[in-house]
């Protein structure tokens, strides 16, 4: 790799510029644009994410500090606060959305694995809420004096990549977003108890896919048959039918109910599933690993900029969230292609301090040593599941 290139410029070589330009043409993103193109804007947004800038002013100050390097970093001739703010406000957010999905597909392909040893992909679906000031973000009404947005995410538990994301205002209930989930035949979908939407669960079942959802405590049902010899920790493993009219209409077929006692937490969990061939312990283990999506949300909020926004319009908020996903996927792709024995957290921290250096990437990662095992393997980043046999 060319030693005269800046670290950030070396990173952008992992991005498919031709495909991004195709997407920009598709939505007319560069129409009537002379200098600050969509590609320039993508790189500026990703630079802000990777360098951990807290506001639009911070992004511009950082770029101004490296004005002489701006062209070689890929930002174009001149980047001003006004031009960046106007671009985020007016240019189509779908350019960033489509490119984020493209990078997601590339990152998932590179990280493909089979941890659970099941025939299909394993997903967890959940949402995270980002609070906003209603006086500033007037379009994101949540409560009478509070605003917010929700990122509904379908998280691939094996690759640790978000496979699908749906952004709404925080007033949209979690179960309402289930109809947006793209269902794959043979895949497994894991939900918390906020997603007891039996109509949508039946849609998954009819697609010949599987689900595991934590049942509500007031679930009304009747037992059809049950198993008597149960492994340790399993309190109930039965086939049931729903008895409430609305639930029965939404899901007219039989379900499997598994009750599991978690000794570590001292808690009793009740799950509903249509996966009749899995063991009861496999069902419980699938739900246990749903927690990985919570760790992903925590990691995303701590290490990328999606809690404070660089614009106030819905378009600007969406662009910033998609740029954060692009930055995350870029780090994953760099990890894979360079065969780095480092966590996503480590890679991101090294890059954030070195974006304007001219050190070759391989040398940059080889000479940096992390000695703190808590930082390397703790809650600073998503973790693969050591508890799976």
Protein backbone atom coordinates (compact mmCIF):
# COMPACT_ATOMS: atom_id res chain seq x y z
CA UNK A 1 0.00 0.00 0.00
CA UNK A 2 1.25 3.48 -0.90
CA UNK A 3 3.07 4.92 2.11
CA UNK A 4 2.23 8.50 1.11
CA UNK A 5 -1.48 7.89 1.53
CA UNK A 6 -3.23 9.06 4.67
CA UNK A 7 -4.79 6.37 6.86
CA UNK A 8 -8.31 7.58 6.06
CA UNK A 9 -7.56 7.51 2.32
CA UNK A 10 -6.26 3.95 2.71
CA UNK A 11 -9.53 3.02 4.45
CA UNK A 12 -11.66 4.38 1.62
CA UNK A 13 -10.01 1.97 -0.82
CA UNK A 14 -12.08 -0.75 0.89
CA UNK A 15 -15.26 1.02 -0.33
CA UNK A 16 -16.72 0.41 -3.80
CA UNK A 17 -16.86 3.93 -5.22
CA UNK A 18 -18.34 2.79 -8.52
CA UNK A 19 -21.31 1.20 -6.79
CA UNK A 20 -21.83 4.29 -4.63
CA UNK A 21 -21.80 6.52 -7.72
CA UNK A 22 -24.37 4.20 -9.31
CA UNK A 23 -26.65 4.70 -6.28
CA UNK A 24 -26.08 8.48 -6.36
CA UNK A 25 -27.08 8.59 -10.05
CA UNK A 26 -30.13 6.45 -9.30
CA UNK A 27 -31.48 9.11 -6.92
CA UNK A 28 -30.06 12.14 -8.74
CA UNK A 29 -27.81 13.02 -5.82
CA UNK A 30 -25.20 14.91 -7.86
CA UNK A 31 -27.63 16.81 -10.05
CA UNK A 32 -26.60 20.48 -10.30
CA UNK A 33 -23.67 19.79 -7.94
CA UNK A 34 -20.27 21.22 -8.98
CA UNK A 35 -17.91 20.64 -6.06
CA UNK A 36 -19.28 18.89 -2.95
CA UNK A 37 -20.46 15.58 -4.44
CA UNK A 38 -22.29 12.75 -2.67
CA UNK A 39 -19.02 10.81 -2.48
CA UNK A 40 -17.31 13.77 -0.79
CA UNK A 41 -20.23 13.99 1.65
CA UNK A 42 -20.07 10.26 2.44
CA UNK A 43 -16.37 10.53 3.29
CA UNK A 44 -16.91 13.64 5.42
CA UNK A 45 -19.69 11.90 7.38
CA UNK A 46 -17.61 8.75 7.87
CA UNK A 47 -14.59 10.84 8.90
CA UNK A 48 -16.80 12.48 11.54
CA UNK A 49 -17.97 9.07 12.75
CA UNK A 50 -14.52 7.48 12.89
CA UNK A 51 -12.90 10.53 14.52
CA UNK A 52 -15.72 10.74 17.11
CA UNK A 53 -16.87 14.30 16.33
CA UNK A 54 -19.64 15.54 18.60
CA UNK A 55 -21.33 18.13 16.37
CA UNK A 56 -21.42 19.58 12.88
CA UNK A 57 -19.12 22.38 14.06
CA UNK A 58 -16.65 19.81 15.41
CA UNK A 59 -16.59 18.04 12.04
CA UNK A 60 -15.86 21.28 10.18
CA UNK A 61 -13.20 22.37 12.72
CA UNK A 62 -11.44 19.01 12.32
CA UNK A 63 -11.53 19.29 8.53
CA UNK A 64 -10.35 22.91 8.62
CA UNK A 65 -7.41 21.86 10.80
CA UNK A 66 -6.35 19.60 7.92
CA UNK A 67 -7.30 21.92 5.04
CA UNK A 68 -4.08 21.19 3.14
CA UNK A 69 -4.92 17.48 3.25
CA UNK A 70 -8.61 17.86 2.37
CA UNK A 71 -8.34 16.89 -1.30
CA UNK A 72 -6.19 13.82 -0.61
CA UNK A 73 -8.56 12.72 2.17
CA UNK A 74 -11.36 12.71 -0.41
CA UNK A 75 -13.35 15.70 0.87
CA UNK A 76 -13.05 17.77 -2.30
CA UNK A 77 -11.78 21.31 -2.69
CA UNK A 78 -13.73 22.98 0.09
CA UNK A 79 -16.08 21.85 2.87
CA UNK A 80 -18.02 24.46 4.81
CA UNK A 81 -20.56 24.14 7.58
CA UNK A 82 -23.22 25.63 5.32
CA UNK A 83 -22.58 23.27 2.40
CA UNK A 84 -22.56 20.18 4.64
CA UNK A 85 -25.70 21.23 6.51
CA UNK A 86 -27.53 22.02 3.27
CA UNK A 87 -26.50 18.69 1.72
CA UNK A 88 -27.71 16.74 4.76
CA UNK A 89 -30.98 18.61 4.69
CA UNK A 90 -31.83 18.39 0.99
CA UNK A 91 -30.11 15.40 -0.65
CA UNK A 92 -31.91 12.07 -0.65
CA UNK A 93 -31.12 9.94 2.42
CA UNK A 94 -31.82 6.79 0.38
CA UNK A 95 -28.36 7.14 -1.20
CA UNK A 96 -26.84 6.45 2.22
CA UNK A 97 -29.45 3.84 3.06
CA UNK A 98 -28.82 1.79 -0.08
CA UNK A 99 -25.04 2.00 0.33
CA UNK A 100 -25.36 0.97 3.99
CA UNK A 101 -27.27 -2.15 2.90
CA UNK A 102 -24.61 -2.84 0.27
CA UNK A 103 -21.87 -2.69 2.93
CA UNK A 104 -24.00 -4.81 5.28
CA UNK A 105 -24.24 -7.52 2.61
CA UNK A 106 -20.50 -7.40 1.98
CA UNK A 107 -19.64 -7.50 5.71
CA UNK A 108 -22.05 -10.39 6.41
CA UNK A 109 -20.58 -12.37 3.53
CA UNK A 110 -17.06 -11.92 4.89
CA UNK A 111 -18.07 -12.89 8.42
CA UNK A 112 -20.22 -15.87 7.45
CA UNK A 113 -20.08 -18.60 10.10
CA UNK A 114 -22.27 -21.30 11.64
CA UNK A 115 -22.03 -20.91 15.41
CA UNK A 116 -25.46 -22.34 16.23
CA UNK A 117 -25.10 -25.26 13.78
CA UNK A 118 -28.58 -24.68 12.37
CA UNK A 119 -29.58 -24.80 8.72
CA UNK A 120 -30.70 -21.15 8.57
CA UNK A 121 -29.50 -17.74 9.68
CA UNK A 122 -30.26 -16.69 13.27
CA UNK A 123 -31.56 -13.16 13.88
CA UNK A 124 -32.61 -11.10 16.88
CA UNK A 125 -35.09 -8.28 16.31
CA UNK A 126 -35.31 -5.34 18.69
CA UNK A 127 -35.22 -1.55 18.77
CA UNK A 128 -33.26 1.17 20.50
CA UNK A 129 -34.69 4.60 21.27
CA UNK A 130 -32.70 7.82 20.87
CA UNK A 131 -34.17 10.73 22.82
CA UNK A 132 -34.46 14.10 21.05
CA UNK A 133 -35.48 17.60 22.06
CA UNK A 134 -38.97 18.11 20.67
CA UNK A 135 -38.45 21.88 20.30
CA UNK A 136 -35.57 21.23 17.87
CA UNK A 137 -36.64 17.93 16.27
CA UNK A 138 -40.28 18.92 15.84
CA UNK A 139 -41.07 16.03 13.47
CA UNK A 140 -40.05 13.31 15.98
CA UNK A 141 -42.93 13.61 18.43
CA UNK A 142 -42.94 10.89 21.09
CA UNK A 143 -44.77 12.25 24.11
CA UNK A 144 -46.31 15.64 24.82
CA UNK A 145 -42.97 17.25 25.73
CA UNK A 146 -40.48 14.69 24.43
CA UNK A 147 -39.18 13.62 21.04
CA UNK A 148 -37.26 10.58 19.85
CA UNK A 149 -36.50 8.13 17.08
CA UNK A 150 -36.35 4.34 17.11
CA UNK A 151 -33.95 2.17 15.17
CA UNK A 152 -35.69 -1.18 14.65
CA UNK A 153 -32.90 -3.63 13.86
CA UNK A 154 -32.72 -7.20 12.62
CA UNK A 155 -29.35 -8.34 13.97
CA UNK A 156 -27.51 -11.35 12.56
CA UNK A 157 -26.31 -13.07 15.74
CA UNK A 158 -23.64 -15.14 14.00
CA UNK A 159 -21.93 -12.43 11.93
CA UNK A 160 -22.70 -9.62 14.44
CA UNK A 161 -23.92 -7.39 11.60
CA UNK A 162 -27.31 -5.62 11.46
CA UNK A 163 -29.02 -7.23 8.45
CA UNK A 164 -32.02 -4.88 8.36
CA UNK A 165 -32.87 -1.56 9.98
CA UNK A 166 -36.06 0.48 10.00
CA UNK A 167 -36.07 4.03 11.40
CA UNK A 168 -39.29 5.50 12.82
CA UNK A 169 -40.35 8.05 15.37
CA UNK A 170 -40.26 6.72 18.94
CA UNK A 171 -44.08 6.73 19.08
CA UNK A 172 -44.25 3.62 16.84
CA UNK A 173 -44.70 0.51 19.01
CA UNK A 174 -42.12 -2.22 18.55
CA UNK A 175 -44.62 -4.85 17.42
CA UNK A 176 -45.86 -2.55 14.62
CA UNK A 177 -42.43 -2.69 12.99
CA UNK A 178 -42.55 -6.50 12.70
CA UNK A 179 -44.38 -6.27 9.38
CA UNK A 180 -41.29 -4.65 7.87
CA UNK A 181 -39.07 -7.66 8.63
CA UNK A 182 -37.86 -9.42 5.46
CA UNK A 183 -38.50 -13.10 6.15
CA UNK A 184 -36.06 -15.77 4.88
CA UNK A 185 -37.17 -19.36 4.49
CA UNK A 186 -35.51 -21.54 7.13
CA UNK A 187 -34.19 -18.63 9.24
CA UNK A 188 -34.69 -18.25 13.01
CA UNK A 189 -36.08 -15.01 14.48
CA UNK A 190 -35.76 -14.23 18.19
CA UNK A 191 -37.95 -11.66 19.94
CA UNK A 192 -38.52 -10.25 23.39
CA UNK A 193 -42.03 -10.19 24.86
CA UNK A 194 -42.87 -6.78 23.33
CA UNK A 195 -43.27 -8.67 20.05
CA UNK A 196 -46.22 -10.93 20.93
CA UNK A 197 -47.88 -9.99 17.65
CA UNK A 198 -49.40 -13.32 16.65
CA UNK A 199 -50.42 -12.18 13.18
CA UNK A 200 -46.83 -11.34 12.29
CA UNK A 201 -45.50 -14.46 14.00
CA UNK A 202 -47.85 -16.49 11.83
CA UNK A 203 -46.46 -14.71 8.75
CA UNK A 204 -43.02 -16.01 9.74
CA UNK A 205 -44.47 -19.50 10.24
CA UNK A 206 -46.18 -19.49 6.82
CA UNK A 207 -42.86 -18.55 5.21
CA UNK A 208 -41.47 -21.84 6.59
CA UNK A 209 -39.23 -19.96 9.02
CA UNK A 210 -38.94 -20.25 12.78
CA UNK A 211 -39.29 -17.91 15.74
CA UNK A 212 -38.65 -17.85 19.48
CA UNK A 213 -40.49 -15.19 21.43
CA UNK A 214 -40.73 -14.63 25.17
CA UNK A 215 -44.36 -15.04 26.15
CA UNK A 216 -46.28 -12.56 28.26
CA UNK A 217 -47.24 -13.63 31.76
CA UNK A 218 -50.97 -13.25 31.03
CA UNK A 219 -50.90 -15.63 28.04
CA UNK A 220 -54.08 -17.72 27.89
CA UNK A 221 -53.82 -21.17 26.32
CA UNK A 222 -54.69 -24.84 26.72
CA UNK A 223 -52.28 -27.76 26.68
CA UNK A 224 -52.63 -30.28 23.86
CA UNK A 225 -49.73 -32.55 24.82
CA UNK A 226 -46.54 -32.30 26.81
CA UNK A 227 -43.29 -34.10 27.50
CA UNK A 228 -42.72 -35.74 30.86
CA UNK A 229 -38.96 -36.36 30.94
CA UNK A 230 -37.32 -32.98 30.89
CA UNK A 231 -33.63 -31.95 31.09
CA UNK A 232 -32.33 -29.88 33.99
CA UNK A 233 -33.60 -26.31 33.91
CA UNK A 234 -36.63 -27.07 31.72
CA UNK A 235 -39.87 -26.81 33.69
CA UNK A 236 -42.36 -27.29 30.83
CA UNK A 237 -42.17 -28.44 27.21
CA UNK A 238 -45.67 -28.62 25.77
CA UNK A 239 -47.71 -28.18 22.60
CA UNK A 240 -50.47 -25.62 23.14
CA UNK A 241 -53.33 -23.81 21.46
CA UNK A 242 -54.19 -20.16 22.09
CA UNK A 243 -57.64 -19.62 23.60
CA UNK A 244 -58.23 -15.86 23.29
CA UNK A 245 -60.18 -15.04 20.10
CA UNK A 246 -57.83 -12.32 18.85
CA UNK A 247 -54.69 -14.36 19.45
CA UNK A 248 -56.25 -17.51 18.00
CA UNK A 249 -57.34 -15.62 14.89
CA UNK A 250 -53.83 -14.24 14.43
CA UNK A 251 -52.16 -17.63 14.99
CA UNK A 252 -54.68 -20.44 14.30
CA UNK A 253 -52.21 -23.33 14.55
CA UNK A 254 -50.53 -25.06 17.48
CA UNK A 255 -47.49 -23.60 19.24
CA UNK A 256 -44.78 -24.99 21.45
CA UNK A 257 -44.39 -23.58 24.96
CA UNK A 258 -41.08 -23.94 26.82
CA UNK A 259 -40.56 -22.81 30.42
CA UNK A 260 -36.96 -22.45 31.50
CA UNK A 261 -35.49 -21.67 34.92
CA UNK A 262 -32.24 -19.70 34.76
CA UNK A 263 -30.23 -20.57 37.88
CA UNK A 264 -27.76 -17.71 37.36
CA UNK A 265 -30.50 -15.08 37.48
CA UNK A 266 -32.96 -17.04 39.59
CA UNK A 267 -35.71 -16.29 37.05
CA UNK A 268 -38.38 -18.25 35.23
CA UNK A 269 -38.73 -17.62 31.47
CA UNK A 270 -41.58 -18.76 29.21
CA UNK A 271 -41.02 -19.01 25.45
CA UNK A 272 -43.28 -19.60 22.46
CA UNK A 273 -41.88 -21.15 19.30
CA UNK A 274 -42.89 -23.01 16.17
CA UNK A 275 -39.54 -24.88 16.07
CA UNK A 276 -40.79 -28.32 17.05
CA UNK A 277 -37.56 -30.17 16.19
CA UNK A 278 -35.21 -28.17 18.41
CA UNK A 279 -34.53 -29.36 21.93
CA UNK A 280 -35.97 -27.27 24.76
CA UNK A 281 -32.44 -26.26 25.82
CA UNK A 282 -31.70 -25.07 22.26
CA UNK A 283 -34.79 -22.87 22.39
CA UNK A 284 -33.67 -21.38 25.70
CA UNK A 285 -30.12 -20.91 24.39
CA UNK A 286 -31.36 -19.08 21.29
CA UNK A 287 -33.26 -16.61 23.45
CA UNK A 288 -30.29 -16.23 25.80
CA UNK A 289 -28.16 -15.04 22.89
CA UNK A 290 -30.75 -12.40 22.00
CA UNK A 291 -28.87 -10.25 24.51
CA UNK A 292 -26.16 -9.73 21.87
CA UNK A 293 -28.36 -7.18 20.11
CA UNK A 294 -28.55 -5.15 23.34
CA UNK A 295 -24.74 -5.19 23.52
CA UNK A 296 -24.61 -4.05 19.89
CA UNK A 297 -26.92 -1.09 20.60
CA UNK A 298 -24.80 -0.17 23.63
CA UNK A 299 -21.60 -0.42 21.59
CA UNK A 300 -23.05 1.66 18.74
CA UNK A 301 -24.16 4.45 21.08
CA UNK A 302 -20.85 4.50 22.96
CA UNK A 303 -18.42 4.40 20.05
CA UNK A 304 -20.24 5.99 17.08
CA UNK A 305 -22.18 9.23 16.86
CA UNK A 306 -25.91 8.50 16.86
CA UNK A 307 -26.95 10.15 20.14
CA UNK A 308 -26.13 13.73 19.13
CA UNK A 309 -27.05 14.74 15.63
CA UNK A 310 -25.38 17.12 13.19
CA UNK A 311 -28.67 18.28 11.70
CA UNK A 312 -32.27 18.77 12.85
CA UNK A 313 -34.31 17.45 9.91
CA UNK A 314 -35.46 13.87 9.52
CA UNK A 315 -33.31 13.57 6.40
CA UNK A 316 -30.18 14.66 8.29
CA UNK A 317 -30.88 12.26 11.19
CA UNK A 318 -31.35 9.32 8.84
CA UNK A 319 -28.15 10.15 6.94
CA UNK A 320 -26.14 10.25 10.18
CA UNK A 321 -27.52 6.89 11.37
CA UNK A 322 -26.77 5.28 8.01
CA UNK A 323 -23.27 6.77 8.00
CA UNK A 324 -22.67 5.19 11.43
CA UNK A 325 -23.74 1.80 10.05
CA UNK A 326 -21.44 2.34 7.05
CA UNK A 327 -18.55 3.14 9.41
CA UNK A 328 -19.23 0.02 11.49
CA UNK A 329 -19.33 -2.19 8.39
CA UNK A 330 -16.14 -0.60 7.04
CA UNK A 331 -14.30 -1.49 10.25
CA UNK A 332 -15.60 -5.08 9.98
CA UNK A 333 -14.47 -5.32 6.35
CA UNK A 334 -11.00 -3.98 7.23
CA UNK A 335 -10.80 -6.51 10.08
CA UNK A 336 -11.53 -9.37 7.71
CA UNK A 337 -9.52 -8.34 4.66
CA UNK A 338 -6.41 -7.54 6.68
CA UNK A 339 -6.78 -10.67 8.88
CA UNK A 340 -6.55 -8.59 12.06
CA UNK A 341 -6.54 -10.42 15.38
CA UNK A 342 -8.21 -7.47 17.08
CA UNK A 343 -11.68 -6.63 18.34
CA UNK A 344 -13.90 -4.13 16.54
CA UNK A 345 -13.37 -1.79 19.49
CA UNK A 346 -9.58 -1.93 19.13
CA UNK A 347 -9.66 -1.27 15.40
CA UNK A 348 -11.99 1.70 15.84
CA UNK A 349 -9.89 3.22 18.65
CA UNK A 350 -6.65 2.88 16.68
CA UNK A 351 -8.22 4.44 13.59
CA UNK A 352 -9.81 7.34 15.49
CA UNK A 353 -6.37 8.58 16.56
CA UNK A 354 -4.60 7.98 13.24
CA UNK A 355 -6.86 9.07 10.38
CA UNK A 356 -4.50 11.80 9.14
CA UNK A 357 -1.26 9.83 9.63
CA UNK A 358 0.60 8.40 6.65
CA UNK A 359 1.44 5.08 8.34
CA UNK A 360 0.57 1.99 6.25
CA UNK A 361 -2.46 0.25 7.76
CA UNK A 362 -0.68 -3.05 8.36
CA UNK A 363 2.11 -1.31 10.24
CA UNK A 364 -0.39 0.80 12.17
CA UNK A 365 -2.20 -2.24 13.57
CA UNK A 366 0.93 -4.32 14.14
CA UNK A 367 2.75 -1.76 16.27
CA UNK A 368 -0.19 -1.04 18.62
CA UNK A 369 -0.50 -3.45 21.57
CA UNK A 370 -3.54 -3.66 23.87
CA UNK A 371 -2.68 -5.10 27.27
CA UNK A 372 -6.00 -4.51 29.01
CA UNK A 373 -8.00 -7.73 28.61
CA UNK A 374 -11.14 -6.05 29.96
CA UNK A 375 -11.04 -3.53 27.14
CA UNK A 376 -10.22 -6.21 24.59
CA UNK A 377 -12.87 -8.77 25.49
CA UNK A 378 -15.30 -6.99 27.82
CA UNK A 379 -18.39 -4.92 27.16
CA UNK A 380 -16.62 -2.49 24.83
CA UNK A 381 -17.79 -4.41 21.78
CA UNK A 382 -20.04 -7.22 20.62
CA UNK A 383 -18.71 -10.65 21.54
CA UNK A 384 -19.03 -14.06 19.92
CA UNK A 385 -20.73 -16.61 22.06
CA UNK A 386 -18.20 -18.55 24.07
CA UNK A 387 -21.03 -20.25 25.99
CA UNK A 388 -22.22 -22.19 22.94
CA UNK A 389 -20.92 -25.76 22.81
